[in-house]
């Protein structure tokens, strides 16, 4: 079963709950069906918090592992 956005109908990235096996959005911290804490969402949230945003104010990219912005290709300002 896939999850879709109630507003626009777009498919949401999801994974199955380890406890009840129902689909849960990847960003969810808890399963909306059974309340199980979602370990994968917590790990993704921690990784997202550690990312470095591009220093170009007009860019929405992040600094990749090679030290270059994934969107505009610039190196961050010191």
C-alpha atoms as a PDB file:
ATOM      1  CA  UNK A   1       0.000   0.000   0.000  1.00  0.00           C
ATOM      2  CA  UNK A   2       1.369   3.425  -0.899  1.00  0.00           C
ATOM      3  CA  UNK A   3       0.795   6.667   0.942  1.00  0.00           C
ATOM      4  CA  UNK A   4      -0.372   9.772  -0.898  1.00  0.00           C
ATOM      5  CA  UNK A   5      -0.666  13.430   0.074  1.00  0.00           C
ATOM      6  CA  UNK A   6      -4.241  14.388   0.998  1.00  0.00           C
ATOM      7  CA  UNK A   7      -3.767  17.832  -0.591  1.00  0.00           C
ATOM      8  CA  UNK A   8      -2.109  17.136  -3.963  1.00  0.00           C
ATOM      9  CA  UNK A   9      -2.216  13.351  -4.353  1.00  0.00           C
ATOM     10  CA  UNK A  10       1.583  13.004  -4.691  1.00  0.00           C
ATOM     11  CA  UNK A  11       3.086   9.722  -3.536  1.00  0.00           C
ATOM     12  CA  UNK A  12       4.871  10.018  -0.168  1.00  0.00           C
ATOM     13  CA  UNK A  13       8.081   8.168   0.580  1.00  0.00           C
ATOM     14  CA  UNK A  14       7.210   5.556   3.154  1.00  0.00           C
ATOM     15  CA  UNK A  15       8.404   2.446   4.903  1.00  0.00           C
ATOM     16  CA  UNK A  16       6.515  -0.259   6.769  1.00  0.00           C
ATOM     17  CA  UNK A  17       6.243  -0.140  10.552  1.00  0.00           C
ATOM     18  CA  UNK A  18       8.378  -2.837  12.175  1.00  0.00           C
ATOM     19  CA  UNK A  19       5.566  -3.594  14.605  1.00  0.00           C
ATOM     20  CA  UNK A  20       2.247  -3.477  12.705  1.00  0.00           C
ATOM     21  CA  UNK A  21       3.604  -3.555   9.104  1.00  0.00           C
ATOM     22  CA  UNK A  22       1.417  -0.610   7.998  1.00  0.00           C
ATOM     23  CA  UNK A  23       2.981   2.082   5.755  1.00  0.00           C
ATOM     24  CA  UNK A  24       4.461   5.046   7.611  1.00  0.00           C
ATOM     25  CA  UNK A  25       5.899   8.248   6.053  1.00  0.00           C
ATOM     26  CA  UNK A  26       9.708   8.318   6.263  1.00  0.00           C
ATOM     27  CA  UNK A  27       9.617  11.575   8.246  1.00  0.00           C
ATOM     28  CA  UNK A  28       7.293  10.159  10.947  1.00  0.00           C
ATOM     29  CA  UNK A  29       8.813   9.665  14.375  1.00  0.00           C
ATOM     30  CA  UNK A  30       5.980   7.359  15.461  1.00  0.00           C
ATOM     31  CA  UNK A  31       3.693   4.996  13.568  1.00  0.00           C
ATOM     32  CA  UNK A  32       0.252   6.662  13.213  1.00  0.00           C
ATOM     33  CA  UNK A  33      -1.380   3.208  13.377  1.00  0.00           C
ATOM     34  CA  UNK A  34       0.164   1.609  16.480  1.00  0.00           C
ATOM     35  CA  UNK A  35       2.371   4.304  18.054  1.00  0.00           C
ATOM     36  CA  UNK A  36       5.644   2.364  17.609  1.00  0.00           C
ATOM     37  CA  UNK A  37       8.729   4.619  17.700  1.00  0.00           C
ATOM     38  CA  UNK A  38      10.311   4.699  14.242  1.00  0.00           C
ATOM     39  CA  UNK A  39      14.093   4.163  14.474  1.00  0.00           C
ATOM     40  CA  UNK A  40      14.727   4.970  10.801  1.00  0.00           C
ATOM     41  CA  UNK A  41      12.990   8.358  11.052  1.00  0.00           C
ATOM     42  CA  UNK A  42      15.063   9.237  14.097  1.00  0.00           C
ATOM     43  CA  UNK A  43      18.296   8.336  12.282  1.00  0.00           C
ATOM     44  CA  UNK A  44      17.260  10.365   9.216  1.00  0.00           C
ATOM     45  CA  UNK A  45      16.354  13.354  11.424  1.00  0.00           C
ATOM     46  CA  UNK A  46      19.763  13.236  13.094  1.00  0.00           C
ATOM     47  CA  UNK A  47      21.524  13.052   9.714  1.00  0.00           C
ATOM     48  CA  UNK A  48      19.429  15.964   8.419  1.00  0.00           C
ATOM     49  CA  UNK A  49      20.361  18.076  11.452  1.00  0.00           C
ATOM     50  CA  UNK A  50      24.079  17.538  10.725  1.00  0.00           C
ATOM     51  CA  UNK A  51      23.937  18.681   7.091  1.00  0.00           C
ATOM     52  CA  UNK A  52      25.613  21.905   5.987  1.00  0.00           C
ATOM     53  CA  UNK A  53      23.589  24.309   3.861  1.00  0.00           C
ATOM     54  CA  UNK A  54      25.151  26.186   0.945  1.00  0.00           C
ATOM     55  CA  UNK A  55      26.413  29.612   2.013  1.00  0.00           C
ATOM     56  CA  UNK A  56      25.115  31.260  -1.196  1.00  0.00           C
ATOM     57  CA  UNK A  57      21.897  32.918  -0.014  1.00  0.00           C
ATOM     58  CA  UNK A  58      20.186  32.347  -3.371  1.00  0.00           C
ATOM     59  CA  UNK A  59      20.917  28.586  -3.377  1.00  0.00           C
ATOM     60  CA  UNK A  60      18.944  25.826  -1.641  1.00  0.00           C
ATOM     61  CA  UNK A  61      21.606  23.103  -1.942  1.00  0.00           C
ATOM     62  CA  UNK A  62      23.631  21.336   0.745  1.00  0.00           C
ATOM     63  CA  UNK A  63      27.368  20.779   0.978  1.00  0.00           C
ATOM     64  CA  UNK A  64      28.162  17.250  -0.170  1.00  0.00           C
ATOM     65  CA  UNK A  65      30.891  14.937   1.127  1.00  0.00           C
ATOM     66  CA  UNK A  66      33.296  16.377  -1.479  1.00  0.00           C
ATOM     67  CA  UNK A  67      32.934  19.873   0.048  1.00  0.00           C
ATOM     68  CA  UNK A  68      30.946  21.249  -2.905  1.00  0.00           C
ATOM     69  CA  UNK A  69      27.297  22.359  -3.012  1.00  0.00           C
ATOM     70  CA  UNK A  70      25.102  19.655  -4.516  1.00  0.00           C
ATOM     71  CA  UNK A  71      22.979  22.275  -6.302  1.00  0.00           C
ATOM     72  CA  UNK A  72      25.194  25.127  -7.529  1.00  0.00           C
ATOM     73  CA  UNK A  73      28.649  23.487  -7.344  1.00  0.00           C
ATOM     74  CA  UNK A  74      30.220  26.255  -5.248  1.00  0.00           C
ATOM     75  CA  UNK A  75      32.477  25.686  -2.252  1.00  0.00           C
ATOM     76  CA  UNK A  76      31.238  27.177   1.049  1.00  0.00           C
ATOM     77  CA  UNK A  77      32.585  30.498   2.271  1.00  0.00           C
ATOM     78  CA  UNK A  78      34.938  30.222   5.229  1.00  0.00           C
END
